[in-house]
C-alpha atoms as a PDB file:
ATOM      1  CA  MET A   1      -1.701  -1.572 -28.889  1.00  0.00           C
ATOM      2  CA  GLU A   2       1.788  -0.918 -27.564  1.00  0.00           C
ATOM      3  CA  LYS A   3       0.534   1.971 -25.391  1.00  0.00           C
ATOM      4  CA  LEU A   4      -2.160  -0.192 -23.761  1.00  0.00           C
ATOM      5  CA  ARG A   5       0.294  -2.401 -21.912  1.00  0.00           C
ATOM      6  CA  ASN A   6       0.088  -2.177 -18.133  1.00  0.00           C
ATOM      7  CA  SER A   7      -2.706   0.405 -18.150  1.00  0.00           C
ATOM      8  CA  VAL A   8      -5.228   0.812 -15.351  1.00  0.00           C
ATOM      9  CA  TYR A   9      -8.320   3.043 -15.309  1.00  0.00           C
ATOM     10  CA  LEU A  10     -10.318   3.419 -12.089  1.00  0.00           C
ATOM     11  CA  MET A  11     -13.119   5.560 -10.753  1.00  0.00           C
ATOM     12  CA  GLY A  12     -13.801   5.647  -7.036  1.00  0.00           C
ATOM     13  CA  ASN A  13     -13.729   7.642  -3.816  1.00  0.00           C
ATOM     14  CA  ALA A  14     -10.611   8.749  -1.942  1.00  0.00           C
ATOM     15  CA  GLY A  15     -10.465   6.767   1.305  1.00  0.00           C
ATOM     16  CA  THR A  16      -8.243   9.271   3.095  1.00  0.00           C
ATOM     17  CA  ASP A  17      -6.801  12.718   2.646  1.00  0.00           C
ATOM     18  CA  LEU A  18      -3.656  12.836   0.524  1.00  0.00           C
ATOM     19  CA  ILE A  19      -0.354  12.012   2.249  1.00  0.00           C
ATOM     20  CA  VAL A  20       2.516  14.022   0.721  1.00  0.00           C
ATOM     21  CA  VAL A  21       6.209  13.212   1.240  1.00  0.00           C
ATOM     22  CA  ASN A  22       8.857  15.827   0.386  1.00  0.00           C
ATOM     23  CA  PHE A  23      12.282  14.700  -0.798  1.00  0.00           C
ATOM     24  CA  SER A  24      15.489  16.611  -1.429  1.00  0.00           C
ATOM     25  CA  GLU A  25      15.791  18.840  -4.474  1.00  0.00           C
ATOM     26  CA  GLY A  26      12.068  19.710  -4.288  1.00  0.00           C
ATOM     27  CA  ARG A  27      10.818  16.261  -5.361  1.00  0.00           C
ATOM     28  CA  LYS A  28       7.476  15.088  -3.974  1.00  0.00           C
ATOM     29  CA  MET A  29       5.539  11.854  -3.776  1.00  0.00           C
ATOM     30  CA  ALA A  30       1.960  11.429  -2.594  1.00  0.00           C
ATOM     31  CA  ARG A  31      -0.255   8.489  -1.637  1.00  0.00           C
ATOM     32  CA  VAL A  32      -3.955   7.883  -1.125  1.00  0.00           C
ATOM     33  CA  SER A  33      -6.257   4.862  -1.032  1.00  0.00           C
ATOM     34  CA  LEU A  34      -9.138   4.609  -3.513  1.00  0.00           C
ATOM     35  CA  ALA A  35     -12.393   2.738  -2.838  1.00  0.00           C
ATOM     36  CA  VAL A  36     -14.021   1.334  -5.979  1.00  0.00           C
ATOM     37  CA  ASN A  37     -17.584   0.090  -5.517  1.00  0.00           C
ATOM     38  CA  GLU A  38     -19.206  -2.611  -7.612  1.00  0.00           C
ATOM     39  CA  PHE A  39     -22.945  -3.251  -7.595  1.00  0.00           C
ATOM     40  CA  TYR A  40     -24.669  -6.363  -8.937  1.00  0.00           C
ATOM     41  CA  LYS A  41     -27.501  -8.779  -8.255  1.00  0.00           C
ATOM     42  CA  ASN A  42     -26.788 -12.313  -7.114  1.00  0.00           C
ATOM     43  CA  SER A  43     -28.611 -15.405  -8.368  1.00  0.00           C
ATOM     44  CA  ALA A  44     -31.402 -14.790  -5.817  1.00  0.00           C
ATOM     45  CA  GLY A  45     -31.937 -11.268  -7.185  1.00  0.00           C
ATOM     46  CA  GLU A  46     -30.516  -9.558  -4.101  1.00  0.00           C
ATOM     47  CA  ALA A  47     -28.594  -6.309  -4.643  1.00  0.00           C
ATOM     48  CA  ILE A  48     -24.956  -6.766  -3.636  1.00  0.00           C
ATOM     49  CA  SER A  49     -22.355  -4.057  -3.063  1.00  0.00           C
ATOM     50  CA  HIS A  50     -18.648  -4.923  -3.046  1.00  0.00           C
ATOM     51  CA  THR A  51     -15.797  -2.486  -2.382  1.00  0.00           C
ATOM     52  CA  GLN A  52     -12.209  -2.997  -3.536  1.00  0.00           C
ATOM     53  CA  TRP A  53      -9.374  -0.820  -2.247  1.00  0.00           C
ATOM     54  CA  PHE A  54      -6.437   0.345  -4.352  1.00  0.00           C
ATOM     55  CA  ASN A  55      -3.271   2.185  -3.297  1.00  0.00           C
ATOM     56  CA  LEU A  56      -2.490   5.155  -5.537  1.00  0.00           C
ATOM     57  CA  VAL A  57       0.959   6.749  -5.840  1.00  0.00           C
ATOM     58  CA  PHE A  58       1.642  10.150  -7.426  1.00  0.00           C
ATOM     59  CA  TRP A  59       5.051  11.431  -8.567  1.00  0.00           C
ATOM     60  CA  GLY A  60       6.246  14.630 -10.221  1.00  0.00           C
ATOM     61  CA  LYS A  61       3.641  16.907 -11.785  1.00  0.00           C
ATOM     62  CA  THR A  62       0.725  14.682 -10.765  1.00  0.00           C
ATOM     63  CA  VAL A  63       1.435  15.465  -7.097  1.00  0.00           C
ATOM     64  CA  ALA A  64       0.455  19.127  -7.635  1.00  0.00           C
ATOM     65  CA  ILE A  65      -2.784  18.043  -9.328  1.00  0.00           C
ATOM     66  CA  ALA A  66      -3.507  15.590  -6.525  1.00  0.00           C
ATOM     67  CA  GLU A  67      -2.852  18.246  -3.876  1.00  0.00           C
ATOM     68  CA  ALA A  68      -5.508  20.428  -5.513  1.00  0.00           C
ATOM     69  CA  LEU A  69      -8.123  17.699  -6.031  1.00  0.00           C
ATOM     70  CA  VAL A  70      -7.806  14.875  -3.505  1.00  0.00           C
ATOM     71  CA  LYS A  71      -9.833  15.039  -0.312  1.00  0.00           C
ATOM     72  CA  LYS A  72     -11.313  12.148   1.663  1.00  0.00           C
ATOM     73  CA  GLY A  73     -14.565  10.996   0.039  1.00  0.00           C
ATOM     74  CA  LYS A  74     -13.987  12.861  -3.255  1.00  0.00           C
ATOM     75  CA  MET A  75     -14.876  10.955  -6.444  1.00  0.00           C
ATOM     76  CA  LEU A  76     -11.777  10.573  -8.618  1.00  0.00           C
ATOM     77  CA  CYS A  77     -10.980   9.169 -12.070  1.00  0.00           C
ATOM     78  CA  VAL A  78      -7.412   7.916 -12.455  1.00  0.00           C
ATOM     79  CA  ALA A  79      -5.276   6.370 -15.173  1.00  0.00           C
ATOM     80  CA  GLY A  80      -1.914   4.796 -14.491  1.00  0.00           C
ATOM     81  CA  ARG A  81       0.097   1.614 -14.388  1.00  0.00           C
ATOM     82  CA  LEU A  82       0.434  -1.270 -11.948  1.00  0.00           C
ATOM     83  CA  ASN A  83       3.589  -1.554  -9.881  1.00  0.00           C
ATOM     84  CA  THR A  84       4.102  -4.758  -7.858  1.00  0.00           C
ATOM     85  CA  GLN A  85       6.911  -5.212  -5.350  1.00  0.00           C
ATOM     86  CA  SER A  86       7.853  -7.952  -2.917  1.00  0.00           C
ATOM     87  CA  TYR A  87       9.558  -7.795   0.465  1.00  0.00           C
ATOM     88  CA  VAL A  88      10.263 -10.034   3.458  1.00  0.00           C
ATOM     89  CA  ASP A  89       8.439  -9.070   6.652  1.00  0.00           C
ATOM     90  CA  LYS A  90       9.832  -9.259  10.209  1.00  0.00           C
ATOM     91  CA  LYS A  91       8.677 -12.874  10.545  1.00  0.00           C
ATOM     92  CA  GLY A  92      10.502 -13.917   7.379  1.00  0.00           C
ATOM     93  CA  ASN A  93       7.369 -14.196   5.203  1.00  0.00           C
ATOM     94  CA  GLN A  94       7.475 -12.937   1.657  1.00  0.00           C
ATOM     95  CA  ARG A  95       4.824 -10.247   1.058  1.00  0.00           C
ATOM     96  CA  PHE A  96       3.655  -8.496  -2.074  1.00  0.00           C
ATOM     97  CA  THR A  97       2.242  -5.016  -2.606  1.00  0.00           C
ATOM     98  CA  THR A  98       0.537  -3.672  -5.689  1.00  0.00           C
ATOM     99  CA  GLU A  99       0.122   0.042  -6.282  1.00  0.00           C
ATOM    100  CA  ILE A 100      -1.172   2.156  -9.126  1.00  0.00           C
ATOM    101  CA  PHE A 101       1.343   4.766 -10.254  1.00  0.00           C
ATOM    102  CA  VAL A 102      -1.013   7.512 -11.441  1.00  0.00           C
ATOM    103  CA  ASN A 103      -0.151   9.516 -14.555  1.00  0.00           C
ATOM    104  CA  ASN A 104      -3.566  11.160 -15.080  1.00  0.00           C
ATOM    105  CA  LEU A 105      -6.072  12.341 -12.487  1.00  0.00           C
ATOM    106  CA  GLN A 106      -9.464  14.020 -12.785  1.00  0.00           C
ATOM    107  CA  GLU A 107     -12.258  14.703 -10.366  1.00  0.00           C
ATOM    108  CA  ASP A 108     -15.674  13.363 -11.283  1.00  0.00           C
ATOM    109  CA  GLU A 109     -18.102  16.243 -11.311  1.00  0.00           C
END
């Protein structure tokens, strides 16, 4: 069970094309948003569709995989871990961001 801590598995569609940032010494980081759709019926029997958006972050070797696979609208399967950070905005309000640091990426065929 130790390996299951802070694990996230998602399947959805890329909301944008991949954004790649190059750092010194050849390091890269990439970002993309992922839309995950849920479908269910409410108590009245009506079909409901709900979309949740997740921010994905790729580092190291996963950037090369993402560069080859990620295009806007493409169905992706990802595994990773949650990373939450806080910051203070310009108005002095504390804000939080949650991202998924991806360590495994596959396209859904």
